[in-house]
């Protein structure tokens, strides 16, 4: 009887793990990559890549304007003064200033 309970418990655990991993994979497929042009405190401008479930770049810009972004060190957080523009990761910015900054960032 103890063996059956242990085996059954192991099967339930394995099934739970499979379901959790499958849900995580589904969630990752729902994420879309964007690049956003941020204006930070001190009039510093940066381009960062972000992922979001949002379907429209304008929605991503609104989301990102409400929270800080991480610095290059991955630890410090930088206050966002303004989100200038967000576009799909492979798309081009419409604003000339954003296009120029994107070229500098890519090189």
C-alpha atoms as a PDB file:
ATOM      1  CA  UNK A   1       0.000   0.000   0.000  1.00  0.00           C
ATOM      2  CA  UNK A   2       2.832   2.433   0.874  1.00  0.00           C
ATOM      3  CA  UNK A   3       4.472   1.749  -2.481  1.00  0.00           C
ATOM      4  CA  UNK A   4       1.274   2.630  -4.354  1.00  0.00           C
ATOM      5  CA  UNK A   5       0.945   5.907  -2.444  1.00  0.00           C
ATOM      6  CA  UNK A   6       4.567   6.850  -3.162  1.00  0.00           C
ATOM      7  CA  UNK A   7       4.246   5.993  -6.858  1.00  0.00           C
ATOM      8  CA  UNK A   8       0.932   7.859  -7.111  1.00  0.00           C
ATOM      9  CA  UNK A   9       2.436  10.885  -5.334  1.00  0.00           C
ATOM     10  CA  UNK A  10       5.394  10.812  -7.724  1.00  0.00           C
ATOM     11  CA  UNK A  11       3.084  10.690 -10.738  1.00  0.00           C
ATOM     12  CA  UNK A  12       1.037  13.614  -9.449  1.00  0.00           C
ATOM     13  CA  UNK A  13       4.224  15.611  -8.846  1.00  0.00           C
ATOM     14  CA  UNK A  14       5.534  14.825 -12.320  1.00  0.00           C
ATOM     15  CA  UNK A  15       2.219  15.760 -13.911  1.00  0.00           C
ATOM     16  CA  UNK A  16       2.108  19.037 -11.962  1.00  0.00           C
ATOM     17  CA  UNK A  17       5.637  19.866 -13.080  1.00  0.00           C
ATOM     18  CA  UNK A  18       4.756  19.092 -16.721  1.00  0.00           C
ATOM     19  CA  UNK A  19       1.661  21.306 -16.575  1.00  0.00           C
ATOM     20  CA  UNK A  20       3.656  24.150 -14.978  1.00  0.00           C
ATOM     21  CA  UNK A  21       6.416  23.895 -17.597  1.00  0.00           C
ATOM     22  CA  UNK A  22       3.874  23.806 -20.418  1.00  0.00           C
ATOM     23  CA  UNK A  23       2.097  26.879 -19.030  1.00  0.00           C
ATOM     24  CA  UNK A  24       5.429  28.714 -18.790  1.00  0.00           C
ATOM     25  CA  UNK A  25       6.268  27.843 -22.400  1.00  0.00           C
ATOM     26  CA  UNK A  26       2.841  29.090 -23.496  1.00  0.00           C
ATOM     27  CA  UNK A  27       3.361  32.326 -21.557  1.00  0.00           C
ATOM     28  CA  UNK A  28       6.755  32.865 -23.212  1.00  0.00           C
ATOM     29  CA  UNK A  29       5.154  32.423 -26.641  1.00  0.00           C
ATOM     30  CA  UNK A  30       2.701  35.189 -25.754  1.00  0.00           C
ATOM     31  CA  UNK A  31       5.517  37.676 -25.156  1.00  0.00           C
ATOM     32  CA  UNK A  32       6.448  40.133 -27.895  1.00  0.00           C
ATOM     33  CA  UNK A  33       9.829  41.866 -28.056  1.00  0.00           C
ATOM     34  CA  UNK A  34       9.910  45.639 -28.443  1.00  0.00           C
ATOM     35  CA  UNK A  35      12.584  48.301 -28.430  1.00  0.00           C
ATOM     36  CA  UNK A  36      11.834  51.566 -26.665  1.00  0.00           C
ATOM     37  CA  UNK A  37      13.487  54.968 -26.628  1.00  0.00           C
ATOM     38  CA  UNK A  38      13.563  56.282 -23.059  1.00  0.00           C
ATOM     39  CA  UNK A  39      14.360  59.736 -21.756  1.00  0.00           C
ATOM     40  CA  UNK A  40      15.858  59.406 -18.282  1.00  0.00           C
ATOM     41  CA  UNK A  41      16.551  61.945 -15.558  1.00  0.00           C
ATOM     42  CA  UNK A  42      19.341  64.328 -16.545  1.00  0.00           C
ATOM     43  CA  UNK A  43      18.104  64.373 -20.155  1.00  0.00           C
ATOM     44  CA  UNK A  44      19.892  61.083 -20.930  1.00  0.00           C
ATOM     45  CA  UNK A  45      18.412  59.049 -23.799  1.00  0.00           C
ATOM     46  CA  UNK A  46      18.713  55.255 -24.113  1.00  0.00           C
ATOM     47  CA  UNK A  47      17.209  52.456 -26.156  1.00  0.00           C
ATOM     48  CA  UNK A  48      16.272  49.290 -24.293  1.00  0.00           C
ATOM     49  CA  UNK A  49      14.711  46.061 -25.471  1.00  0.00           C
ATOM     50  CA  UNK A  50      11.672  44.929 -23.487  1.00  0.00           C
ATOM     51  CA  UNK A  51       9.226  42.031 -23.707  1.00  0.00           C
ATOM     52  CA  UNK A  52       5.525  42.375 -23.075  1.00  0.00           C
ATOM     53  CA  UNK A  53       2.241  40.601 -23.626  1.00  0.00           C
ATOM     54  CA  UNK A  54       0.851  43.865 -25.017  1.00  0.00           C
ATOM     55  CA  UNK A  55      -0.095  43.699 -28.681  1.00  0.00           C
ATOM     56  CA  UNK A  56       0.536  47.383 -29.485  1.00  0.00           C
ATOM     57  CA  UNK A  57       3.703  49.479 -29.034  1.00  0.00           C
ATOM     58  CA  UNK A  58       1.675  52.371 -27.563  1.00  0.00           C
ATOM     59  CA  UNK A  59       0.463  50.086 -24.778  1.00  0.00           C
ATOM     60  CA  UNK A  60       4.043  49.045 -24.066  1.00  0.00           C
ATOM     61  CA  UNK A  61       5.109  52.695 -23.889  1.00  0.00           C
ATOM     62  CA  UNK A  62       2.352  53.385 -21.375  1.00  0.00           C
ATOM     63  CA  UNK A  63       3.351  50.340 -19.274  1.00  0.00           C
ATOM     64  CA  UNK A  64       7.039  51.280 -19.325  1.00  0.00           C
ATOM     65  CA  UNK A  65       6.393  54.910 -18.376  1.00  0.00           C
ATOM     66  CA  UNK A  66       5.104  53.724 -14.998  1.00  0.00           C
ATOM     67  CA  UNK A  67       8.195  51.834 -13.845  1.00  0.00           C
ATOM     68  CA  UNK A  68      11.964  52.263 -13.711  1.00  0.00           C
ATOM     69  CA  UNK A  69      14.280  50.402 -16.070  1.00  0.00           C
ATOM     70  CA  UNK A  70      17.465  48.561 -15.171  1.00  0.00           C
ATOM     71  CA  UNK A  71      20.883  50.055 -15.861  1.00  0.00           C
ATOM     72  CA  UNK A  72      23.530  48.122 -17.810  1.00  0.00           C
ATOM     73  CA  UNK A  73      24.797  46.560 -14.572  1.00  0.00           C
ATOM     74  CA  UNK A  74      21.423  44.826 -14.161  1.00  0.00           C
ATOM     75  CA  UNK A  75      21.099  45.992 -10.554  1.00  0.00           C
ATOM     76  CA  UNK A  76      20.582  49.750 -10.492  1.00  0.00           C
ATOM     77  CA  UNK A  77      17.214  51.125 -11.519  1.00  0.00           C
ATOM     78  CA  UNK A  78      16.886  54.283 -13.567  1.00  0.00           C
ATOM     79  CA  UNK A  79      13.904  56.605 -13.319  1.00  0.00           C
ATOM     80  CA  UNK A  80      12.074  56.999 -16.613  1.00  0.00           C
ATOM     81  CA  UNK A  81      11.169  60.597 -17.310  1.00  0.00           C
ATOM     82  CA  UNK A  82       9.449  59.868 -20.602  1.00  0.00           C
ATOM     83  CA  UNK A  83       9.014  57.048 -23.114  1.00  0.00           C
ATOM     84  CA  UNK A  84       9.653  58.717 -26.450  1.00  0.00           C
ATOM     85  CA  UNK A  85       8.563  55.765 -28.583  1.00  0.00           C
ATOM     86  CA  UNK A  86       8.277  51.971 -28.637  1.00  0.00           C
ATOM     87  CA  UNK A  87       8.277  49.827 -31.778  1.00  0.00           C
ATOM     88  CA  UNK A  88       8.573  46.144 -32.575  1.00  0.00           C
ATOM     89  CA  UNK A  89      12.113  44.867 -32.015  1.00  0.00           C
ATOM     90  CA  UNK A  90      12.749  44.545 -35.758  1.00  0.00           C
ATOM     91  CA  UNK A  91      10.891  47.704 -36.768  1.00  0.00           C
ATOM     92  CA  UNK A  92      12.294  51.192 -37.339  1.00  0.00           C
ATOM     93  CA  UNK A  93      11.547  54.164 -35.157  1.00  0.00           C
ATOM     94  CA  UNK A  94       9.526  56.969 -36.733  1.00  0.00           C
ATOM     95  CA  UNK A  95      11.192  59.832 -34.841  1.00  0.00           C
ATOM     96  CA  UNK A  96      14.515  60.924 -36.366  1.00  0.00           C
ATOM     97  CA  UNK A  97      16.135  61.323 -32.937  1.00  0.00           C
ATOM     98  CA  UNK A  98      15.128  57.746 -32.048  1.00  0.00           C
ATOM     99  CA  UNK A  99      16.488  56.436 -35.365  1.00  0.00           C
ATOM    100  CA  UNK A 100      19.844  58.142 -34.767  1.00  0.00           C
ATOM    101  CA  UNK A 101      20.076  56.798 -31.222  1.00  0.00           C
ATOM    102  CA  UNK A 102      19.159  53.317 -32.478  1.00  0.00           C
ATOM    103  CA  UNK A 103      22.012  53.453 -35.029  1.00  0.00           C
ATOM    104  CA  UNK A 104      24.490  54.435 -32.289  1.00  0.00           C
ATOM    105  CA  UNK A 105      23.143  51.693 -30.006  1.00  0.00           C
ATOM    106  CA  UNK A 106      23.484  49.015 -32.705  1.00  0.00           C
ATOM    107  CA  UNK A 107      27.083  49.902 -33.603  1.00  0.00           C
END
